[in-house]
Amino acid sequence: MARLKEAGLIEVKRGPGGAVIAVPLDEITLFDIYRSVDCIEENTLFHFHENPSPDCPVGRNIHNVLDDKLIRVQTAMEQELRSITLADIRENLKKYLEKKS
């Protein structure tokens, strides 16, 4: 919760106050939450093989072959997260609950 607080997404009050959302739900995207709670740096979601073996044909070329593709995948995922708000999720939940009752 501390990271969500640091990002300004929630306010936390001691005692019975608890945590409350500090921003309107239509202004909070899944990307905002992802960036607040995930500990990855820019373009490092698919971080691997710090020191591949130069003797291995796959190892010595793995970054040349995959890095640009994995950055594209991460960028696409982050764009999709930016397109979904907590208000969207709340509305979807309401519709689902209405169907069930």
PDB file of N, CA and C in Angstrom:
ATOM      1  N   MET A   1       0.806  -1.178   0.000  1.00  0.00           N
ATOM      2  CA  MET A   1       0.000   0.000   0.000  1.00  0.00           C
ATOM      3  C   MET A   1       0.858   1.254   0.000  1.00  0.00           C
ATOM      4  N   ALA A   2       2.040   1.161   0.547  1.00  0.00           N
ATOM      5  CA  ALA A   2       2.906   2.331   0.631  1.00  0.00           C
ATOM      6  C   ALA A   2       3.227   2.880  -0.757  1.00  0.00           C
ATOM      7  N   ARG A   3       3.429   1.998  -1.703  1.00  0.00           N
ATOM      8  CA  ARG A   3       3.761   2.464  -3.052  1.00  0.00           C
ATOM      9  C   ARG A   3       2.579   3.158  -3.713  1.00  0.00           C
ATOM     10  N   LEU A   4       1.372   2.658  -3.477  1.00  0.00           N
ATOM     11  CA  LEU A   4       0.178   3.320  -4.013  1.00  0.00           C
ATOM     12  C   LEU A   4       0.015   4.691  -3.376  1.00  0.00           C
ATOM     13  N   LYS A   5       0.350   4.798  -2.105  1.00  0.00           N
ATOM     14  CA  LYS A   5       0.286   6.077  -1.401  1.00  0.00           C
ATOM     15  C   LYS A   5       1.335   7.035  -1.979  1.00  0.00           C
ATOM     16  N   GLU A   6       2.551   6.548  -2.154  1.00  0.00           N
ATOM     17  CA  GLU A   6       3.616   7.374  -2.718  1.00  0.00           C
ATOM     18  C   GLU A   6       3.260   7.879  -4.114  1.00  0.00           C
ATOM     19  N   ALA A   7       2.523   7.081  -4.865  1.00  0.00           N
ATOM     20  CA  ALA A   7       2.121   7.471  -6.219  1.00  0.00           C
ATOM     21  C   ALA A   7       0.936   8.436  -6.203  1.00  0.00           C
ATOM     22  N   GLY A   8       0.375   8.677  -5.022  1.00  0.00           N
ATOM     23  CA  GLY A   8      -0.748   9.587  -4.909  1.00  0.00           C
ATOM     24  C   GLY A   8      -2.082   8.974  -5.309  1.00  0.00           C
ATOM     25  N   LEU A   9      -2.133   7.655  -5.402  1.00  0.00           N
ATOM     26  CA  LEU A   9      -3.365   6.986  -5.807  1.00  0.00           C
ATOM     27  C   LEU A   9      -4.306   6.735  -4.634  1.00  0.00           C
ATOM     28  N   ILE A  10      -3.729   6.586  -3.435  1.00  0.00           N
ATOM     29  CA  ILE A  10      -4.558   6.380  -2.250  1.00  0.00           C
ATOM     30  C   ILE A  10      -4.066   7.294  -1.132  1.00  0.00           C
ATOM     31  N   GLU A  11      -4.953   7.507  -0.169  1.00  0.00           N
ATOM     32  CA  GLU A  11      -4.598   8.192   1.069  1.00  0.00           C
ATOM     33  C   GLU A  11      -4.839   7.206   2.194  1.00  0.00           C
ATOM     34  N   VAL A  12      -3.919   7.168   3.132  1.00  0.00           N
ATOM     35  CA  VAL A  12      -4.036   6.235   4.246  1.00  0.00           C
ATOM     36  C   VAL A  12      -4.135   7.046   5.529  1.00  0.00           C
ATOM     37  N   LYS A  13      -5.161   6.717   6.316  1.00  0.00           N
ATOM     38  CA  LYS A  13      -5.370   7.395   7.596  1.00  0.00           C
ATOM     39  C   LYS A  13      -5.280   6.370   8.707  1.00  0.00           C
ATOM     40  N   ARG A  14      -4.673   6.774   9.788  1.00  0.00           N
ATOM     41  CA  ARG A  14      -4.547   5.873  10.941  1.00  0.00           C
ATOM     42  C   ARG A  14      -5.899   5.619  11.577  1.00  0.00           C
ATOM     43  N   GLY A  15      -5.956   4.520  12.271  1.00  0.00           N
ATOM     44  CA  GLY A  15      -7.174   4.184  12.992  1.00  0.00           C
ATOM     45  C   GLY A  15      -8.249   3.668  12.058  1.00  0.00           C
ATOM     46  N   PRO A  16      -9.510   3.990  12.363  1.00  0.00           N
ATOM     47  CA  PRO A  16     -10.608   3.447  11.566  1.00  0.00           C
ATOM     48  C   PRO A  16     -10.740   4.078  10.180  1.00  0.00           C
ATOM     49  N   GLY A  17      -9.916   5.091   9.886  1.00  0.00           N
ATOM     50  CA  GLY A  17      -9.994   5.760   8.585  1.00  0.00           C
ATOM     51  C   GLY A  17      -9.633   4.854   7.427  1.00  0.00           C
ATOM     52  N   GLY A  18      -8.599   4.034   7.610  1.00  0.00           N
ATOM     53  CA  GLY A  18      -8.179   3.105   6.560  1.00  0.00           C
ATOM     54  C   GLY A  18      -7.649   3.794   5.330  1.00  0.00           C
ATOM     55  N   ALA A  19      -7.758   3.126   4.202  1.00  0.00           N
ATOM     56  CA  ALA A  19      -7.263   3.657   2.928  1.00  0.00           C
ATOM     57  C   ALA A  19      -8.432   4.069   2.052  1.00  0.00           C
ATOM     58  N   VAL A  20      -8.275   5.199   1.384  1.00  0.00           N
ATOM     59  CA  VAL A  20      -9.285   5.667   0.436  1.00  0.00           C
ATOM     60  C   VAL A  20      -8.593   6.053  -0.864  1.00  0.00           C
ATOM     61  N   ILE A  21      -9.309   5.919  -1.948  1.00  0.00           N
ATOM     62  CA  ILE A  21      -8.762   6.276  -3.248  1.00  0.00           C
ATOM     63  C   ILE A  21      -8.696   7.803  -3.335  1.00  0.00           C
ATOM     64  N   ALA A  22      -7.553   8.312  -3.736  1.00  0.00           N
ATOM     65  CA  ALA A  22      -7.305   9.754  -3.727  1.00  0.00           C
ATOM     66  C   ALA A  22      -7.596  10.425  -5.060  1.00  0.00           C
ATOM     67  N   VAL A  23      -7.841   9.636  -6.078  1.00  0.00           N
ATOM     68  CA  VAL A  23      -8.035  10.152  -7.434  1.00  0.00           C
ATOM     69  C   VAL A  23      -9.322   9.531  -7.977  1.00  0.00           C
ATOM     70  N   PRO A  24     -10.076  10.267  -8.781  1.00  0.00           N
ATOM     71  CA  PRO A  24     -11.266   9.657  -9.380  1.00  0.00           C
ATOM     72  C   PRO A  24     -10.907   8.382 -10.148  1.00  0.00           C
ATOM     73  N   LEU A  25     -11.794   7.384 -10.062  1.00  0.00           N
ATOM     74  CA  LEU A  25     -11.519   6.083 -10.686  1.00  0.00           C
ATOM     75  C   LEU A  25     -11.284   6.185 -12.189  1.00  0.00           C
ATOM     76  N   ASP A  26     -11.906   7.155 -12.843  1.00  0.00           N
ATOM     77  CA  ASP A  26     -11.705   7.285 -14.288  1.00  0.00           C
ATOM     78  C   ASP A  26     -10.366   7.920 -14.644  1.00  0.00           C
ATOM     79  N   GLU A  27      -9.611   8.320 -13.623  1.00  0.00           N
ATOM     80  CA  GLU A  27      -8.279   8.889 -13.853  1.00  0.00           C
ATOM     81  C   GLU A  27      -7.158   7.932 -13.453  1.00  0.00           C
ATOM     82  N   ILE A  28      -7.519   6.777 -12.933  1.00  0.00           N
ATOM     83  CA  ILE A  28      -6.513   5.781 -12.537  1.00  0.00           C
ATOM     84  C   ILE A  28      -6.560   4.632 -13.526  1.00  0.00           C
ATOM     85  N   THR A  29      -5.459   4.409 -14.210  1.00  0.00           N
ATOM     86  CA  THR A  29      -5.387   3.298 -15.153  1.00  0.00           C
ATOM     87  C   THR A  29      -4.655   2.118 -14.519  1.00  0.00           C
ATOM     88  N   LEU A  30      -4.816   0.973 -15.140  1.00  0.00           N
ATOM     89  CA  LEU A  30      -4.058  -0.190 -14.681  1.00  0.00           C
ATOM     90  C   LEU A  30      -2.562   0.050 -14.825  1.00  0.00           C
ATOM     91  N   PHE A  31      -2.174   0.880 -15.785  1.00  0.00           N
ATOM     92  CA  PHE A  31      -0.757   1.223 -15.937  1.00  0.00           C
ATOM     93  C   PHE A  31      -0.263   1.997 -14.717  1.00  0.00           C
ATOM     94  N   ASP A  32      -1.083   2.922 -14.206  1.00  0.00           N
ATOM     95  CA  ASP A  32      -0.697   3.677 -13.010  1.00  0.00           C
ATOM     96  C   ASP A  32      -0.414   2.730 -11.846  1.00  0.00           C
ATOM     97  N   ILE A  33      -1.278   1.753 -11.691  1.00  0.00           N
ATOM     98  CA  ILE A  33      -1.110   0.794 -10.597  1.00  0.00           C
ATOM     99  C   ILE A  33       0.111  -0.085 -10.846  1.00  0.00           C
ATOM    100  N   TYR A  34       0.234  -0.571 -12.056  1.00  0.00           N
ATOM    101  CA  TYR A  34       1.382  -1.405 -12.446  1.00  0.00           C
ATOM    102  C   TYR A  34       2.701  -0.688 -12.146  1.00  0.00           C
ATOM    103  N   ARG A  35       2.797   0.555 -12.549  1.00  0.00           N
ATOM    104  CA  ARG A  35       4.034   1.303 -12.322  1.00  0.00           C
ATOM    105  C   ARG A  35       4.249   1.602 -10.848  1.00  0.00           C
ATOM    106  N   SER A  36       3.164   1.721 -10.093  1.00  0.00           N
ATOM    107  CA  SER A  36       3.287   2.018  -8.666  1.00  0.00           C
ATOM    108  C   SER A  36       3.778   0.821  -7.869  1.00  0.00           C
ATOM    109  N   VAL A  37       3.337  -0.367  -8.230  1.00  0.00           N
ATOM    110  CA  VAL A  37       3.639  -1.527  -7.399  1.00  0.00           C
ATOM    111  C   VAL A  37       4.714  -2.439  -7.981  1.00  0.00           C
ATOM    112  N   ASP A  38       5.013  -2.325  -9.263  1.00  0.00           N
ATOM    113  CA  ASP A  38       6.019  -3.196  -9.857  1.00  0.00           C
ATOM    114  C   ASP A  38       7.394  -2.545  -9.726  1.00  0.00           C
ATOM    115  N   CYS A  39       8.395  -3.353  -9.537  1.00  0.00           N
ATOM    116  CA  CYS A  39       9.742  -2.849  -9.294  1.00  0.00           C
ATOM    117  C   CYS A  39      10.631  -2.962 -10.526  1.00  0.00           C
ATOM    118  N   ILE A  40      10.070  -2.766 -11.704  1.00  0.00           N
ATOM    119  CA  ILE A  40      10.899  -2.873 -12.899  1.00  0.00           C
ATOM    120  C   ILE A  40      11.279  -1.489 -13.390  1.00  0.00           C
ATOM    121  N   GLU A  41      12.395  -1.427 -14.057  1.00  0.00           N
ATOM    122  CA  GLU A  41      12.838  -0.176 -14.653  1.00  0.00           C
ATOM    123  C   GLU A  41      12.334  -0.118 -16.093  1.00  0.00           C
ATOM    124  N   GLU A  42      12.533   1.009 -16.726  1.00  0.00           N
ATOM    125  CA  GLU A  42      12.098   1.213 -18.104  1.00  0.00           C
ATOM    126  C   GLU A  42      12.630   0.104 -19.017  1.00  0.00           C
ATOM    127  N   ASN A  43      11.734  -0.522 -19.756  1.00  0.00           N
ATOM    128  CA  ASN A  43      12.067  -1.560 -20.744  1.00  0.00           C
ATOM    129  C   ASN A  43      12.867  -2.726 -20.172  1.00  0.00           C
ATOM    130  N   THR A  44      12.525  -3.141 -18.959  1.00  0.00           N
ATOM    131  CA  THR A  44      13.252  -4.276 -18.373  1.00  0.00           C
ATOM    132  C   THR A  44      12.323  -5.386 -17.889  1.00  0.00           C
ATOM    133  N   LEU A  45      11.092  -5.410 -18.363  1.00  0.00           N
ATOM    134  CA  LEU A  45      10.172  -6.465 -17.960  1.00  0.00           C
ATOM    135  C   LEU A  45      10.749  -7.841 -18.286  1.00  0.00           C
ATOM    136  N   PHE A  46      11.356  -7.959 -19.448  1.00  0.00           N
ATOM    137  CA  PHE A  46      11.943  -9.232 -19.890  1.00  0.00           C
ATOM    138  C   PHE A  46      13.463  -9.160 -19.774  1.00  0.00           C
ATOM    139  N   HIS A  47      13.929  -8.978 -18.573  1.00  0.00           N
ATOM    140  CA  HIS A  47      15.361  -8.849 -18.320  1.00  0.00           C
ATOM    141  C   HIS A  47      15.959 -10.241 -18.118  1.00  0.00           C
ATOM    142  N   PHE A  48      16.988 -10.567 -18.883  1.00  0.00           N
ATOM    143  CA  PHE A  48      17.579 -11.899 -18.765  1.00  0.00           C
ATOM    144  C   PHE A  48      19.021 -11.899 -19.241  1.00  0.00           C
ATOM    145  N   HIS A  49      19.718 -12.935 -18.893  1.00  0.00           N
ATOM    146  CA  HIS A  49      21.091 -13.223 -19.336  1.00  0.00           C
ATOM    147  C   HIS A  49      22.001 -12.004 -19.321  1.00  0.00           C
ATOM    148  N   GLU A  50      22.410 -11.633 -18.107  1.00  0.00           N
ATOM    149  CA  GLU A  50      23.349 -10.519 -17.960  1.00  0.00           C
ATOM    150  C   GLU A  50      24.656 -10.774 -18.709  1.00  0.00           C
ATOM    151  N   ASN A  51      25.194 -11.972 -18.554  1.00  0.00           N
ATOM    152  CA  ASN A  51      26.492 -12.297 -19.138  1.00  0.00           C
ATOM    153  C   ASN A  51      26.431 -13.611 -19.906  1.00  0.00           C
ATOM    154  N   PRO A  52      25.777 -13.598 -21.072  1.00  0.00           N
ATOM    155  CA  PRO A  52      25.723 -14.855 -21.831  1.00  0.00           C
ATOM    156  C   PRO A  52      27.126 -15.266 -22.285  1.00  0.00           C
ATOM    157  N   SER A  53      27.302 -16.549 -22.448  1.00  0.00           N
ATOM    158  CA  SER A  53      28.608 -17.065 -22.851  1.00  0.00           C
ATOM    159  C   SER A  53      28.932 -16.649 -24.287  1.00  0.00           C
ATOM    160  N   PRO A  54      30.074 -16.033 -24.489  1.00  0.00           N
ATOM    161  CA  PRO A  54      30.482 -15.677 -25.853  1.00  0.00           C
ATOM    162  C   PRO A  54      30.773 -16.913 -26.704  1.00  0.00           C
ATOM    163  N   ASP A  55      30.964 -18.069 -26.059  1.00  0.00           N
ATOM    164  CA  ASP A  55      31.231 -19.308 -26.781  1.00  0.00           C
ATOM    165  C   ASP A  55      29.959 -19.963 -27.301  1.00  0.00           C
ATOM    166  N   CYS A  56      28.824 -19.546 -26.779  1.00  0.00           N
ATOM    167  CA  CYS A  56      27.546 -20.128 -27.172  1.00  0.00           C
ATOM    168  C   CYS A  56      26.926 -19.289 -28.289  1.00  0.00           C
ATOM    169  N   PRO A  57      26.628 -19.895 -29.436  1.00  0.00           N
ATOM    170  CA  PRO A  57      26.066 -19.110 -30.541  1.00  0.00           C
ATOM    171  C   PRO A  57      24.714 -18.483 -30.194  1.00  0.00           C
ATOM    172  N   VAL A  58      23.912 -19.159 -29.384  1.00  0.00           N
ATOM    173  CA  VAL A  58      22.636 -18.583 -28.961  1.00  0.00           C
ATOM    174  C   VAL A  58      22.889 -17.478 -27.942  1.00  0.00           C
ATOM    175  N   GLY A  59      23.702 -17.774 -26.941  1.00  0.00           N
ATOM    176  CA  GLY A  59      23.978 -16.816 -25.874  1.00  0.00           C
ATOM    177  C   GLY A  59      24.561 -15.509 -26.379  1.00  0.00           C
ATOM    178  N   ARG A  60      25.510 -15.588 -27.280  1.00  0.00           N
ATOM    179  CA  ARG A  60      26.162 -14.359 -27.746  1.00  0.00           C
ATOM    180  C   ARG A  60      25.264 -13.538 -28.669  1.00  0.00           C
ATOM    181  N   ASN A  61      24.179 -14.133 -29.178  1.00  0.00           N
ATOM    182  CA  ASN A  61      23.272 -13.412 -30.077  1.00  0.00           C
ATOM    183  C   ASN A  61      21.879 -13.160 -29.496  1.00  0.00           C
ATOM    184  N   ILE A  62      21.620 -13.684 -28.295  1.00  0.00           N
ATOM    185  CA  ILE A  62      20.261 -13.642 -27.759  1.00  0.00           C
ATOM    186  C   ILE A  62      19.719 -12.218 -27.637  1.00  0.00           C
ATOM    187  N   HIS A  63      20.543 -11.293 -27.197  1.00  0.00           N
ATOM    188  CA  HIS A  63      20.071  -9.911 -27.057  1.00  0.00           C
ATOM    189  C   HIS A  63      19.830  -9.270 -28.423  1.00  0.00           C
ATOM    190  N   ASN A  64      20.692  -9.557 -29.388  1.00  0.00           N
ATOM    191  CA  ASN A  64      20.489  -9.018 -30.741  1.00  0.00           C
ATOM    192  C   ASN A  64      19.189  -9.529 -31.353  1.00  0.00           C
ATOM    193  N   VAL A  65      18.850 -10.762 -31.044  1.00  0.00           N
ATOM    194  CA  VAL A  65      17.675 -11.397 -31.626  1.00  0.00           C
ATOM    195  C   VAL A  65      16.381 -11.014 -30.893  1.00  0.00           C
ATOM    196  N   LEU A  66      16.420 -10.929 -29.568  1.00  0.00           N
ATOM    197  CA  LEU A  66      15.180 -10.770 -28.801  1.00  0.00           C
ATOM    198  C   LEU A  66      14.901  -9.383 -28.222  1.00  0.00           C
ATOM    199  N   ASP A  67      15.909  -8.609 -27.902  1.00  0.00           N
ATOM    200  CA  ASP A  67      15.679  -7.364 -27.165  1.00  0.00           C
ATOM    201  C   ASP A  67      14.638  -6.457 -27.808  1.00  0.00           C
ATOM    202  N   ASP A  68      14.748  -6.193 -29.090  1.00  0.00           N
ATOM    203  CA  ASP A  68      13.790  -5.273 -29.732  1.00  0.00           C
ATOM    204  C   ASP A  68      12.376  -5.850 -29.724  1.00  0.00           C
ATOM    205  N   LYS A  69      12.268  -7.151 -29.879  1.00  0.00           N
ATOM    206  CA  LYS A  69      10.949  -7.786 -29.875  1.00  0.00           C
ATOM    207  C   LYS A  69      10.311  -7.730 -28.485  1.00  0.00           C
ATOM    208  N   LEU A  70      11.109  -7.972 -27.457  1.00  0.00           N
ATOM    209  CA  LEU A  70      10.586  -7.950 -26.098  1.00  0.00           C
ATOM    210  C   LEU A  70      10.209  -6.530 -25.674  1.00  0.00           C
ATOM    211  N   ILE A  71      10.921  -5.534 -26.141  1.00  0.00           N
ATOM    212  CA  ILE A  71      10.546  -4.147 -25.877  1.00  0.00           C
ATOM    213  C   ILE A  71       9.208  -3.846 -26.551  1.00  0.00           C
ATOM    214  N   ARG A  72       8.998  -4.350 -27.770  1.00  0.00           N
ATOM    215  CA  ARG A  72       7.704  -4.160 -28.447  1.00  0.00           C
ATOM    216  C   ARG A  72       6.572  -4.806 -27.659  1.00  0.00           C
ATOM    217  N   VAL A  73       6.821  -6.005 -27.126  1.00  0.00           N
ATOM    218  CA  VAL A  73       5.803  -6.702 -26.334  1.00  0.00           C
ATOM    219  C   VAL A  73       5.492  -5.903 -25.067  1.00  0.00           C
ATOM    220  N   GLN A  74       6.522  -5.438 -24.380  1.00  0.00           N
ATOM    221  CA  GLN A  74       6.316  -4.657 -23.170  1.00  0.00           C
ATOM    222  C   GLN A  74       5.561  -3.368 -23.479  1.00  0.00           C
ATOM    223  N   THR A  75       5.921  -2.695 -24.555  1.00  0.00           N
ATOM    224  CA  THR A  75       5.247  -1.455 -24.942  1.00  0.00           C
ATOM    225  C   THR A  75       3.778  -1.707 -25.235  1.00  0.00           C
ATOM    226  N   ALA A  76       3.470  -2.786 -25.945  1.00  0.00           N
ATOM    227  CA  ALA A  76       2.077  -3.119 -26.258  1.00  0.00           C
ATOM    228  C   ALA A  76       1.292  -3.410 -24.981  1.00  0.00           C
ATOM    229  N   MET A  77       1.895  -4.157 -24.069  1.00  0.00           N
ATOM    230  CA  MET A  77       1.229  -4.459 -22.808  1.00  0.00           C
ATOM    231  C   MET A  77       0.958  -3.176 -22.028  1.00  0.00           C
ATOM    232  N   GLU A  78       1.943  -2.285 -21.964  1.00  0.00           N
ATOM    233  CA  GLU A  78       1.780  -1.043 -21.221  1.00  0.00           C
ATOM    234  C   GLU A  78       0.721  -0.148 -21.867  1.00  0.00           C
ATOM    235  N   GLN A  79       0.642  -0.137 -23.177  1.00  0.00           N
ATOM    236  CA  GLN A  79      -0.402   0.641 -23.857  1.00  0.00           C
ATOM    237  C   GLN A  79      -1.782   0.109 -23.503  1.00  0.00           C
ATOM    238  N   GLU A  80      -1.926  -1.196 -23.466  1.00  0.00           N
ATOM    239  CA  GLU A  80      -3.211  -1.796 -23.099  1.00  0.00           C
ATOM    240  C   GLU A  80      -3.561  -1.460 -21.657  1.00  0.00           C
ATOM    241  N   LEU A  81      -2.599  -1.511 -20.756  1.00  0.00           N
ATOM    242  CA  LEU A  81      -2.837  -1.141 -19.360  1.00  0.00           C
ATOM    243  C   LEU A  81      -3.270   0.321 -19.241  1.00  0.00           C
ATOM    244  N   ARG A  82      -2.716   1.179 -20.091  1.00  0.00           N
ATOM    245  CA  ARG A  82      -3.099   2.599 -20.080  1.00  0.00           C
ATOM    246  C   ARG A  82      -4.545   2.809 -20.531  1.00  0.00           C
ATOM    247  N   SER A  83      -5.085   1.875 -21.286  1.00  0.00           N
ATOM    248  CA  SER A  83      -6.425   2.052 -21.852  1.00  0.00           C
ATOM    249  C   SER A  83      -7.545   1.587 -20.913  1.00  0.00           C
ATOM    250  N   ILE A  84      -7.189   0.993 -19.787  1.00  0.00           N
ATOM    251  CA  ILE A  84      -8.195   0.449 -18.865  1.00  0.00           C
ATOM    252  C   ILE A  84      -8.136   1.225 -17.555  1.00  0.00           C
ATOM    253  N   THR A  85      -9.272   1.807 -17.178  1.00  0.00           N
ATOM    254  CA  THR A  85      -9.330   2.552 -15.918  1.00  0.00           C
ATOM    255  C   THR A  85     -10.029   1.716 -14.844  1.00  0.00           C
ATOM    256  N   LEU A  86      -9.863   2.158 -13.617  1.00  0.00           N
ATOM    257  CA  LEU A  86     -10.592   1.497 -12.539  1.00  0.00           C
ATOM    258  C   LEU A  86     -12.091   1.715 -12.682  1.00  0.00           C
ATOM    259  N   ALA A  87     -12.498   2.824 -13.288  1.00  0.00           N
ATOM    260  CA  ALA A  87     -13.921   3.044 -13.557  1.00  0.00           C
ATOM    261  C   ALA A  87     -14.436   1.988 -14.535  1.00  0.00           C
ATOM    262  N   ASP A  88     -13.637   1.632 -15.540  1.00  0.00           N
ATOM    263  CA  ASP A  88     -14.021   0.571 -16.479  1.00  0.00           C
ATOM    264  C   ASP A  88     -14.240  -0.751 -15.741  1.00  0.00           C
ATOM    265  N   ILE A  89     -13.333  -1.055 -14.850  1.00  0.00           N
ATOM    266  CA  ILE A  89     -13.422  -2.304 -14.104  1.00  0.00           C
ATOM    267  C   ILE A  89     -14.651  -2.291 -13.198  1.00  0.00           C
ATOM    268  N   ARG A  90     -14.899  -1.163 -12.548  1.00  0.00           N
ATOM    269  CA  ARG A  90     -16.082  -1.046 -11.691  1.00  0.00           C
ATOM    270  C   ARG A  90     -17.356  -1.262 -12.501  1.00  0.00           C
ATOM    271  N   GLU A  91     -17.432  -0.668 -13.685  1.00  0.00           N
ATOM    272  CA  GLU A  91     -18.621  -0.835 -14.532  1.00  0.00           C
ATOM    273  C   GLU A  91     -18.790  -2.283 -14.986  1.00  0.00           C
ATOM    274  N   ASN A  92     -17.696  -2.915 -15.356  1.00  0.00           N
ATOM    275  CA  ASN A  92     -17.756  -4.328 -15.745  1.00  0.00           C
ATOM    276  C   ASN A  92     -18.227  -5.192 -14.583  1.00  0.00           C
ATOM    277  N   LEU A  93     -17.750  -4.892 -13.388  1.00  0.00           N
ATOM    278  CA  LEU A  93     -18.171  -5.640 -12.211  1.00  0.00           C
ATOM    279  C   LEU A  93     -19.660  -5.449 -11.963  1.00  0.00           C
ATOM    280  N   LYS A  94     -20.150  -4.218 -12.078  1.00  0.00           N
ATOM    281  CA  LYS A  94     -21.573  -3.953 -11.880  1.00  0.00           C
ATOM    282  C   LYS A  94     -22.417  -4.773 -12.855  1.00  0.00           C
ATOM    283  N   LYS A  95     -22.019  -4.795 -14.128  1.00  0.00           N
ATOM    284  CA  LYS A  95     -22.752  -5.562 -15.133  1.00  0.00           C
ATOM    285  C   LYS A  95     -22.757  -7.048 -14.808  1.00  0.00           C
ATOM    286  N   TYR A  96     -21.615  -7.556 -14.397  1.00  0.00           N
ATOM    287  CA  TYR A  96     -21.505  -8.965 -14.053  1.00  0.00           C
ATOM    288  C   TYR A  96     -22.400  -9.309 -12.860  1.00  0.00           C
ATOM    289  N   LEU A  97     -22.361  -8.452 -11.845  1.00  0.00           N
ATOM    290  CA  LEU A  97     -23.165  -8.694 -10.646  1.00  0.00           C
ATOM    291  C   LEU A  97     -24.652  -8.603 -10.948  1.00  0.00           C
ATOM    292  N   GLU A  98     -25.049  -7.688 -11.819  1.00  0.00           N
ATOM    293  CA  GLU A  98     -26.452  -7.572 -12.211  1.00  0.00           C
ATOM    294  C   GLU A  98     -26.927  -8.833 -12.929  1.00  0.00           C
ATOM    295  N   LYS A  99     -26.094  -9.408 -13.768  1.00  0.00           N
ATOM    296  CA  LYS A  99     -26.449 -10.649 -14.466  1.00  0.00           C
ATOM    297  C   LYS A  99     -26.650 -11.793 -13.486  1.00  0.00           C
ATOM    298  N   LYS A 100     -25.840 -11.827 -12.441  1.00  0.00           N
ATOM    299  CA  LYS A 100     -25.886 -12.929 -11.473  1.00  0.00           C
ATOM    300  C   LYS A 100     -27.063 -12.829 -10.517  1.00  0.00           C
ATOM    301  N   SER A 101     -27.671 -11.638 -10.397  1.00  0.00           N
ATOM    302  CA  SER A 101     -28.775 -11.519  -9.430  1.00  0.00           C
ATOM    303  C   SER A 101     -30.140 -11.531 -10.081  1.00  0.00           C
TER     304      SER A 101
END
